[in-house]
């Protein structure tokens, strides 16, 4: 992971730093960093909570067919060659 280098400017009130101001580019990078950290946390939590239960694709398809009716998969790209 790249180092997140920031160059904030500060707004002071009564001689104390009260606000930090980032360029828009730095703000976007901080926002992406936070989103990545949240995704990593979610992944780690999911791995911790995993009980090993797996559902075969055929069972999922049957349930969707039962709940949504025939043609539930119309328009879905079922070519998994690029996955």
Protein backbone atom coordinates (compact mmCIF):
# COMPACT_ATOMS: atom_id res chain seq x y z
CA UNK A 1 0.00 0.00 0.00
CA UNK A 2 1.24 3.46 -0.85
CA UNK A 3 2.01 5.91 1.91
CA UNK A 4 -0.78 8.44 2.26
CA UNK A 5 1.12 11.72 2.18
CA UNK A 6 -0.94 14.75 3.14
CA UNK A 7 -0.25 18.47 3.05
CA UNK A 8 -2.92 20.05 5.23
CA UNK A 9 -3.35 23.73 5.90
CA UNK A 10 -4.64 24.70 9.32
CA UNK A 11 -7.15 27.25 10.46
CA UNK A 12 -6.51 28.52 13.94
CA UNK A 13 -8.78 30.04 16.52
CA UNK A 14 -7.27 31.84 19.48
CA UNK A 15 -3.83 30.52 18.55
CA UNK A 16 -4.87 26.85 18.50
CA UNK A 17 -5.32 24.67 15.44
CA UNK A 18 -9.04 24.11 15.01
CA UNK A 19 -9.49 22.87 11.44
CA UNK A 20 -7.36 21.02 8.91
CA UNK A 21 -7.95 21.78 5.24
CA UNK A 22 -6.94 19.36 2.48
CA UNK A 23 -6.77 19.85 -1.26
CA UNK A 24 -9.62 18.13 -3.08
CA UNK A 25 -7.17 15.54 -4.50
CA UNK A 26 -5.92 14.68 -1.02
CA UNK A 27 -9.49 14.52 0.29
CA UNK A 28 -10.41 12.01 -2.45
CA UNK A 29 -7.34 9.89 -1.61
CA UNK A 30 -8.21 9.93 2.11
CA UNK A 31 -11.78 8.98 1.30
CA UNK A 32 -10.61 6.04 -0.87
CA UNK A 33 -8.18 4.95 1.86
CA UNK A 34 -10.98 4.92 4.43
CA UNK A 35 -13.27 2.95 2.10
CA UNK A 36 -10.49 0.40 1.51
CA UNK A 37 -9.93 0.10 5.26
CA UNK A 38 -13.67 -0.44 5.80
CA UNK A 39 -13.70 -3.13 3.09
CA UNK A 40 -10.73 -4.87 4.72
CA UNK A 41 -12.43 -4.74 8.12
CA UNK A 42 -15.64 -6.20 6.62
CA UNK A 43 -13.68 -9.00 4.91
CA UNK A 44 -11.82 -9.89 8.10
CA UNK A 45 -15.09 -9.87 10.07
CA UNK A 46 -16.75 -12.12 7.48
CA UNK A 47 -13.84 -14.56 7.69
CA UNK A 48 -14.10 -14.56 11.49
CA UNK A 49 -17.86 -15.14 11.37
CA UNK A 50 -17.70 -17.82 8.64
CA UNK A 51 -19.24 -21.06 9.89
CA UNK A 52 -18.21 -23.03 6.80
CA UNK A 53 -21.74 -23.31 5.40
CA UNK A 54 -21.84 -23.25 1.62
CA UNK A 55 -24.86 -23.23 -0.70
CA UNK A 56 -24.53 -24.85 -4.12
CA UNK A 57 -25.31 -22.61 -7.08
CA UNK A 58 -28.03 -25.01 -8.21
CA UNK A 59 -29.85 -24.46 -4.88
CA UNK A 60 -29.62 -20.69 -5.27
CA UNK A 61 -30.94 -20.90 -8.82
CA UNK A 62 -33.83 -23.14 -7.72
CA UNK A 63 -34.75 -20.71 -4.93
CA UNK A 64 -34.67 -17.75 -7.31
CA UNK A 65 -36.81 -19.67 -9.79
CA UNK A 66 -39.32 -20.48 -7.00
CA UNK A 67 -39.45 -16.90 -5.70
CA UNK A 68 -39.21 -14.96 -8.96
CA UNK A 69 -40.59 -17.43 -11.46
CA UNK A 70 -39.25 -18.75 -14.70
CA UNK A 71 -37.19 -16.23 -16.62
CA UNK A 72 -35.65 -14.78 -13.45
CA UNK A 73 -32.29 -14.95 -15.18
CA UNK A 74 -33.35 -13.19 -18.36
CA UNK A 75 -30.75 -10.63 -19.27
CA UNK A 76 -28.09 -11.95 -16.93
CA UNK A 77 -24.66 -12.54 -18.39
CA UNK A 78 -23.99 -16.18 -17.56
CA UNK A 79 -20.61 -16.29 -19.31
CA UNK A 80 -18.12 -16.75 -16.49
CA UNK A 81 -15.05 -17.03 -18.72
CA UNK A 82 -13.92 -13.51 -17.80
CA UNK A 83 -14.41 -13.93 -14.04
